[in-house]
C-alpha atoms as a PDB file:
ATOM      1  CA  MET A   1     110.475 121.003 109.373  1.00  0.00           C
ATOM      2  CA  ILE A   2     106.698 122.240 108.961  1.00  0.00           C
ATOM      3  CA  SER A   3     105.042 123.900 111.938  1.00  0.00           C
ATOM      4  CA  GLY A   4     101.199 125.065 112.665  1.00  0.00           C
ATOM      5  CA  THR A   5      98.696 124.459 115.036  1.00  0.00           C
ATOM      6  CA  SER A   6      96.960 120.741 115.348  1.00  0.00           C
ATOM      7  CA  ALA A   7      93.777 120.683 113.092  1.00  0.00           C
ATOM      8  CA  GLY A   8      90.615 120.363 114.678  1.00  0.00           C
ATOM      9  CA  PHE A   9      87.770 117.906 113.923  1.00  0.00           C
ATOM     10  CA  GLY A  10      85.698 120.180 111.563  1.00  0.00           C
ATOM     11  CA  ARG A  11      88.281 120.970 109.099  1.00  0.00           C
ATOM     12  CA  ARG A  12      89.372 117.595 109.205  1.00  0.00           C
ATOM     13  CA  PHE A  13      85.857 116.402 108.398  1.00  0.00           C
ATOM     14  CA  ALA A  14      85.405 119.176 105.735  1.00  0.00           C
ATOM     15  CA  ALA A  15      88.669 117.915 103.986  1.00  0.00           C
ATOM     16  CA  LEU A  16      87.348 114.189 104.300  1.00  0.00           C
ATOM     17  CA  VAL A  17      84.132 115.409 102.321  1.00  0.00           C
ATOM     18  CA  TYR A  18      86.311 117.116  99.710  1.00  0.00           C
ATOM     19  CA  ASP A  19      87.988 114.018  99.126  1.00  0.00           C
ATOM     20  CA  ILE A  20      85.148 111.639  99.197  1.00  0.00           C
ATOM     21  CA  LEU A  21      83.841 113.654  96.217  1.00  0.00           C
ATOM     22  CA  LEU A  22      86.899 113.135  94.154  1.00  0.00           C
ATOM     23  CA  LEU A  23      87.253 109.449  95.164  1.00  0.00           C
ATOM     24  CA  ALA A  24      83.767 108.735  94.255  1.00  0.00           C
ATOM     25  CA  ALA A  25      84.479 110.048  90.956  1.00  0.00           C
ATOM     26  CA  LEU A  26      87.595 107.924  90.653  1.00  0.00           C
ATOM     27  CA  LEU A  27      85.898 104.561  91.879  1.00  0.00           C
ATOM     28  CA  THR A  28      82.949 105.332  89.198  1.00  0.00           C
ATOM     29  CA  LEU A  29      85.406 105.329  86.558  1.00  0.00           C
ATOM     30  CA  TYR A  30      87.091 102.182  88.133  1.00  0.00           C
ATOM     31  CA  THR A  31      83.829 100.496  88.284  1.00  0.00           C
ATOM     32  CA  ALA A  32      82.924 101.863  84.770  1.00  0.00           C
ATOM     33  CA  ALA A  33      86.133  99.969  83.681  1.00  0.00           C
ATOM     34  CA  TRP A  34      85.385  96.934  85.422  1.00  0.00           C
ATOM     35  CA  VAL A  35      81.911  96.497  83.857  1.00  0.00           C
ATOM     36  CA  LEU A  36      83.050  97.048  80.446  1.00  0.00           C
ATOM     37  CA  ALA A  37      86.227  94.725  80.659  1.00  0.00           C
ATOM     38  CA  ARG A  38      83.643  92.285  82.245  1.00  0.00           C
ATOM     39  CA  HIS A  39      80.794  92.776  79.425  1.00  0.00           C
ATOM     40  CA  GLY A  40      78.219  93.038  82.440  1.00  0.00           C
ATOM     41  CA  ALA A  41      77.408  93.783  85.905  1.00  0.00           C
ATOM     42  CA  LEU A  42      79.546  93.116  88.775  1.00  0.00           C
ATOM     43  CA  THR A  43      77.924  91.339  91.381  1.00  0.00           C
ATOM     44  CA  ALA A  44      79.293  89.393  94.490  1.00  0.00           C
ATOM     45  CA  GLN A  45      77.350  86.285  93.080  1.00  0.00           C
ATOM     46  CA  GLY A  46      77.913  86.480  89.664  1.00  0.00           C
ATOM     47  CA  ALA A  47      81.434  87.714  89.411  1.00  0.00           C
ATOM     48  CA  GLY A  48      83.218  84.990  91.571  1.00  0.00           C
ATOM     49  CA  ALA A  49      86.959  85.629  92.527  1.00  0.00           C
ATOM     50  CA  TRP A  50      86.744  88.585  90.159  1.00  0.00           C
ATOM     51  CA  TRP A  51      84.591  90.102  92.962  1.00  0.00           C
ATOM     52  CA  TYR A  52      87.368  90.077  95.362  1.00  0.00           C
ATOM     53  CA  ALA A  53      90.008  91.339  92.801  1.00  0.00           C
ATOM     54  CA  TYR A  54      87.511  94.222  92.107  1.00  0.00           C
ATOM     55  CA  ARG A  55      87.126  95.000  95.767  1.00  0.00           C
ATOM     56  CA  ALA A  56      90.813  94.797  96.458  1.00  0.00           C
ATOM     57  CA  GLY A  57      91.318  97.297  93.609  1.00  0.00           C
ATOM     58  CA  GLU A  58      89.243  99.784  95.185  1.00  0.00           C
ATOM     59  CA  LEU A  59      90.843  99.470  98.472  1.00  0.00           C
ATOM     60  CA  ALA A  60      94.128 100.051  96.562  1.00  0.00           C
ATOM     61  CA  LEU A  61      92.934 102.853  94.696  1.00  0.00           C
ATOM     62  CA  VAL A  62      91.414 104.694  97.847  1.00  0.00           C
ATOM     63  CA  GLY A  63      94.977 103.943  99.891  1.00  0.00           C
ATOM     64  CA  GLY A  64      96.927 104.577  97.091  1.00  0.00           C
ATOM     65  CA  TYR A  65      95.363 107.933  96.617  1.00  0.00           C
ATOM     66  CA  TYR A  66      96.026 108.971 100.453  1.00  0.00           C
ATOM     67  CA  VAL A  67      99.476 107.380 100.857  1.00  0.00           C
ATOM     68  CA  LEU A  68     100.724 108.898  97.385  1.00  0.00           C
ATOM     69  CA  ASN A  69      99.363 112.401  98.328  1.00  0.00           C
ATOM     70  CA  TRP A  70     100.589 112.315 102.005  1.00  0.00           C
ATOM     71  CA  THR A  71     104.374 110.906 100.926  1.00  0.00           C
ATOM     72  CA  HIS A  72     104.467 113.384  98.034  1.00  0.00           C
ATOM     73  CA  SER A  73     103.144 116.745  99.479  1.00  0.00           C
ATOM     74  CA  GLY A  74     101.563 115.853 102.910  1.00  0.00           C
ATOM     75  CA  GLN A  75      98.274 116.975 101.644  1.00  0.00           C
ATOM     76  CA  THR A  76      95.334 115.443  99.460  1.00  0.00           C
ATOM     77  CA  LEU A  77      92.975 117.689  97.675  1.00  0.00           C
ATOM     78  CA  GLY A  78      90.564 118.369 100.562  1.00  0.00           C
ATOM     79  CA  MET A  79      93.486 119.245 103.010  1.00  0.00           C
ATOM     80  CA  ARG A  80      94.824 121.595 100.256  1.00  0.00           C
ATOM     81  CA  ALA A  81      91.545 123.544 100.191  1.00  0.00           C
ATOM     82  CA  TRP A  82      91.080 123.448 104.475  1.00  0.00           C
ATOM     83  CA  ARG A  83      94.791 124.205 104.660  1.00  0.00           C
ATOM     84  CA  LEU A  84      95.878 121.062 106.415  1.00  0.00           C
ATOM     85  CA  ARG A  85      99.131 119.187 106.160  1.00  0.00           C
ATOM     86  CA  THR A  86     100.108 115.738 107.565  1.00  0.00           C
ATOM     87  CA  VAL A  87     103.425 115.296 109.105  1.00  0.00           C
ATOM     88  CA  SER A  88     105.540 113.162 111.384  1.00  0.00           C
ATOM     89  CA  ASP A  89     105.411 113.779 114.871  1.00  0.00           C
ATOM     90  CA  SER A  90     108.694 115.447 114.412  1.00  0.00           C
ATOM     91  CA  GLY A  91     107.283 117.696 111.877  1.00  0.00           C
ATOM     92  CA  HIS A  92     108.876 116.171 108.685  1.00  0.00           C
ATOM     93  CA  ALA A  93     107.185 114.510 105.590  1.00  0.00           C
ATOM     94  CA  LEU A  94     105.803 111.064 105.935  1.00  0.00           C
ATOM     95  CA  GLY A  95     107.713 108.206 104.461  1.00  0.00           C
ATOM     96  CA  ALA A  96     105.555 105.462 102.585  1.00  0.00           C
ATOM     97  CA  ALA A  97     105.316 103.000 105.383  1.00  0.00           C
ATOM     98  CA  ARG A  98     104.187 105.395 107.897  1.00  0.00           C
ATOM     99  CA  ALA A  99     101.729 107.027 105.244  1.00  0.00           C
ATOM    100  CA  LEU A 100     100.414 103.214 104.866  1.00  0.00           C
ATOM    101  CA  LEU A 101     100.185 102.772 108.670  1.00  0.00           C
ATOM    102  CA  ARG A 102      98.350 106.226 109.249  1.00  0.00           C
ATOM    103  CA  PHE A 103      95.601 104.996 106.320  1.00  0.00           C
ATOM    104  CA  ALA A 104      95.190 101.720 107.876  1.00  0.00           C
ATOM    105  CA  CYS A 105      94.719 103.226 111.421  1.00  0.00           C
ATOM    106  CA  GLY A 106      92.330 106.307 109.932  1.00  0.00           C
ATOM    107  CA  PHE A 107      90.357 103.685 108.624  1.00  0.00           C
ATOM    108  CA  LEU A 108      89.622 102.121 112.000  1.00  0.00           C
ATOM    109  CA  ALA A 109      89.290 105.537 113.558  1.00  0.00           C
ATOM    110  CA  TRP A 110      86.693 107.062 111.049  1.00  0.00           C
ATOM    111  CA  THR A 111      84.610 103.934 111.137  1.00  0.00           C
ATOM    112  CA  PRO A 112      83.110 103.695 114.431  1.00  0.00           C
ATOM    113  CA  ALA A 113      80.962 107.263 114.198  1.00  0.00           C
ATOM    114  CA  ALA A 114      84.416 108.983 113.905  1.00  0.00           C
ATOM    115  CA  LEU A 115      85.178 108.248 117.512  1.00  0.00           C
ATOM    116  CA  GLY A 116      88.736 107.792 116.963  1.00  0.00           C
ATOM    117  CA  VAL A 117      89.134 111.098 115.261  1.00  0.00           C
ATOM    118  CA  LEU A 118      87.002 112.738 118.094  1.00  0.00           C
ATOM    119  CA  TRP A 119      89.697 111.567 120.638  1.00  0.00           C
ATOM    120  CA  LEU A 120      91.612 114.507 119.775  1.00  0.00           C
ATOM    121  CA  TYR A 121      89.212 116.810 121.915  1.00  0.00           C
ATOM    122  CA  LEU A 122      90.521 114.324 125.052  1.00  0.00           C
ATOM    123  CA  ASP A 123      93.973 114.119 123.916  1.00  0.00           C
ATOM    124  CA  SER A 124      96.284 116.444 125.775  1.00  0.00           C
ATOM    125  CA  GLU A 125      98.276 117.257 122.126  1.00  0.00           C
ATOM    126  CA  HIS A 126      95.041 117.418 120.528  1.00  0.00           C
ATOM    127  CA  LEU A 127      95.976 114.289 118.211  1.00  0.00           C
ATOM    128  CA  ALA A 128      93.357 111.858 116.919  1.00  0.00           C
ATOM    129  CA  LEU A 129      93.605 108.284 117.844  1.00  0.00           C
ATOM    130  CA  HIS A 130      95.308 107.438 114.385  1.00  0.00           C
ATOM    131  CA  ASP A 131      97.699 110.382 114.601  1.00  0.00           C
ATOM    132  CA  ARG A 132      98.750 108.984 118.128  1.00  0.00           C
ATOM    133  CA  LEU A 133      98.968 105.239 116.969  1.00  0.00           C
ATOM    134  CA  SER A 134     100.957 106.161 113.513  1.00  0.00           C
ATOM    135  CA  LYS A 135     103.116 108.936 115.068  1.00  0.00           C
ATOM    136  CA  THR A 136     101.704 111.612 112.881  1.00  0.00           C
ATOM    137  CA  ARG A 137      99.725 114.888 112.969  1.00  0.00           C
ATOM    138  CA  VAL A 138      97.672 117.146 111.069  1.00  0.00           C
ATOM    139  CA  LEU A 139      98.490 120.790 110.942  1.00  0.00           C
ATOM    140  CA  TYR A 140      96.458 123.653 110.358  1.00  0.00           C
ATOM    141  CA  LEU A 141      98.309 126.104 108.466  1.00  0.00           C
ATOM    142  CA  PRO A 142      97.446 129.650 108.723  1.00  0.00           C
ATOM    143  CA  GLY A 143      96.674 131.627 105.492  1.00  0.00           C
ATOM    144  CA  SER A 144      99.619 133.862 104.230  1.00  0.00           C
END
Protein backbone atom coordinates (compact mmCIF):
# COMPACT_ATOMS: atom_id res chain seq x y z
CA MET A 1 0.00 0.00 0.00
CA ILE A 2 1.32 3.43 -0.99
CA SER A 3 0.66 6.55 1.04
CA GLY A 4 1.13 10.25 0.43
CA THR A 5 -0.86 13.45 0.28
CA SER A 6 -3.37 14.26 -2.44
CA ALA A 7 -1.70 16.04 -5.37
CA GLY A 8 -2.79 19.57 -6.17
CA PHE A 9 -3.69 21.07 -9.54
CA GLY A 10 -0.27 22.64 -10.18
CA ARG A 11 1.66 19.38 -9.94
CA ARG A 12 -0.96 17.50 -11.97
CA PHE A 13 -0.86 20.15 -14.69
CA ALA A 14 2.96 20.19 -14.77
CA ALA A 15 3.02 16.38 -15.13
CA LEU A 16 0.47 16.64 -17.94
CA VAL A 17 2.69 19.14 -19.79
CA TYR A 18 5.63 16.72 -19.59
CA ASP A 19 3.44 13.88 -20.83
CA ILE A 20 2.08 16.01 -23.69
CA LEU A 21 5.62 16.71 -24.89
CA LEU A 22 6.43 13.00 -24.94
CA LEU A 23 3.09 12.13 -26.58
CA ALA A 24 3.60 14.82 -29.23
CA ALA A 25 6.86 13.13 -30.23
CA LEU A 26 5.23 9.68 -30.29
CA LEU A 27 2.26 10.95 -32.30
CA THR A 28 4.60 12.64 -34.78
CA LEU A 29 6.39 9.33 -35.38
CA TYR A 30 3.04 7.54 -35.65
CA THR A 31 1.78 10.09 -38.20
CA ALA A 32 5.00 9.89 -40.20
CA ALA A 33 4.63 6.12 -40.40
CA TRP A 34 1.04 6.49 -41.65
CA VAL A 35 2.03 9.07 -44.27
CA LEU A 36 4.88 6.88 -45.51
CA ALA A 37 2.64 3.81 -45.61
CA ARG A 38 -0.08 5.70 -47.52
CA HIS A 39 2.42 7.48 -49.83
CA GLY A 40 0.92 10.89 -49.25
CA ALA A 41 -0.93 13.31 -47.03
CA LEU A 42 -3.45 12.03 -44.54
CA THR A 43 -6.62 14.12 -44.61
CA ALA A 44 -10.22 13.33 -43.74
CA GLN A 45 -11.36 14.02 -47.29
CA GLY A 46 -8.69 12.02 -49.10
CA ALA A 47 -8.22 9.05 -46.79
CA GLY A 48 -11.80 7.83 -46.43
CA ALA A 49 -12.10 4.95 -43.96
CA TRP A 50 -8.34 5.07 -43.35
CA TRP A 51 -8.83 8.41 -41.62
CA TYR A 52 -10.93 6.75 -38.93
CA ALA A 53 -8.40 3.96 -38.51
CA TYR A 54 -5.66 6.56 -38.14
CA ARG A 55 -7.65 8.51 -35.51
CA ALA A 56 -8.46 5.30 -33.61
CA GLY A 57 -4.74 4.50 -33.61
CA GLU A 58 -3.96 7.90 -32.14
CA LEU A 59 -6.47 7.34 -29.36
CA ALA A 60 -5.09 3.85 -28.73
CA LEU A 61 -1.53 5.22 -28.55
CA VAL A 62 -2.42 7.93 -26.02
CA GLY A 63 -4.69 5.63 -24.00
CA GLY A 64 -2.12 2.84 -24.08
CA TYR A 65 0.58 5.20 -22.81
CA TYR A 66 -1.47 6.13 -19.75
CA VAL A 67 -3.03 2.73 -19.03
CA LEU A 68 0.25 0.82 -19.35
CA ASN A 69 2.14 3.28 -17.17
CA TRP A 70 -0.58 3.41 -14.50
CA THR A 71 -0.86 -0.37 -14.31
CA HIS A 72 2.89 -1.02 -14.46
CA SER A 73 4.26 1.58 -12.03
CA GLY A 74 1.43 3.98 -11.23
CA GLN A 75 3.41 6.78 -12.87
CA THR A 76 3.85 8.31 -16.31
CA LEU A 77 7.09 10.09 -17.20
CA GLY A 78 5.61 13.44 -16.15
CA MET A 79 4.32 11.97 -12.90
CA ARG A 80 7.79 10.60 -12.09
CA ALA A 81 9.32 14.03 -12.57
CA TRP A 82 6.77 15.63 -10.23
CA ARG A 83 6.77 12.73 -7.72
CA LEU A 84 3.16 11.74 -8.30
CA ARG A 85 1.66 8.26 -8.30
CA THR A 86 -1.81 7.03 -9.23
CA VAL A 87 -3.27 4.41 -6.92
CA SER A 88 -6.67 2.91 -6.18
CA ASP A 89 -8.70 4.53 -3.42
CA SER A 90 -7.39 1.80 -1.08
CA GLY A 91 -3.77 2.72 -1.92
CA HIS A 92 -2.94 -0.26 -4.15
CA ALA A 93 -1.77 -0.47 -7.77
CA LEU A 94 -4.36 -0.04 -10.52
CA GLY A 95 -5.68 -2.88 -12.63
CA ALA A 96 -6.21 -2.47 -16.36
CA ALA A 97 -9.98 -1.93 -16.12
CA ARG A 98 -9.67 0.78 -13.48
CA ALA A 99 -6.83 2.49 -15.39
CA LEU A 100 -8.92 2.47 -18.58
CA LEU A 101 -11.89 3.94 -16.70
CA ARG A 102 -9.60 6.60 -15.22
CA PHE A 103 -8.32 7.49 -18.69
CA ALA A 104 -11.85 7.86 -20.10
CA CYS A 105 -13.04 9.93 -17.12
CA GLY A 106 -9.81 11.96 -17.15
CA PHE A 107 -10.34 12.93 -20.76
CA LEU A 108 -13.75 14.29 -19.82
CA ALA A 109 -12.41 16.03 -16.70
CA TRP A 110 -9.61 17.88 -18.53
CA THR A 111 -11.63 18.79 -21.63
CA PRO A 112 -13.94 21.59 -20.46
CA ALA A 113 -11.24 24.02 -19.25
CA ALA A 114 -10.00 21.50 -16.64
CA LEU A 115 -13.15 22.04 -14.57
CA GLY A 116 -13.27 18.37 -13.57
CA VAL A 117 -9.71 18.60 -12.27
CA LEU A 118 -10.24 21.91 -10.51
CA TRP A 119 -13.04 20.13 -8.68
CA LEU A 120 -10.34 18.91 -6.28
CA TYR A 121 -10.44 22.30 -4.55
CA LEU A 122 -14.10 21.76 -3.69
CA ASP A 123 -13.80 18.10 -2.75
CA SER A 124 -13.39 17.21 0.93
CA GLU A 125 -10.64 14.65 0.13
CA HIS A 126 -9.04 16.82 -2.60
CA LEU A 127 -10.00 14.40 -5.36
CA ALA A 128 -10.62 15.51 -8.92
CA LEU A 129 -13.82 14.42 -10.63
CA HIS A 130 -12.12 11.60 -12.55
CA ASP A 131 -10.46 10.42 -9.34
CA ARG A 132 -13.87 10.20 -7.72
CA LEU A 133 -15.54 8.47 -10.71
CA SER A 134 -12.79 5.87 -11.18
CA LYS A 135 -12.17 5.34 -7.45
CA THR A 136 -8.52 6.32 -7.78
CA ARG A 137 -6.33 9.06 -6.40
CA VAL A 138 -3.12 10.85 -7.34
CA LEU A 139 -0.66 11.07 -4.49
CA TYR A 140 2.25 13.44 -4.02
CA LEU A 141 5.22 11.44 -2.76
CA PRO A 142 7.57 13.68 -0.80
CA GLY A 143 11.28 13.40 -1.65
CA SER A 144 13.48 11.03 0.27
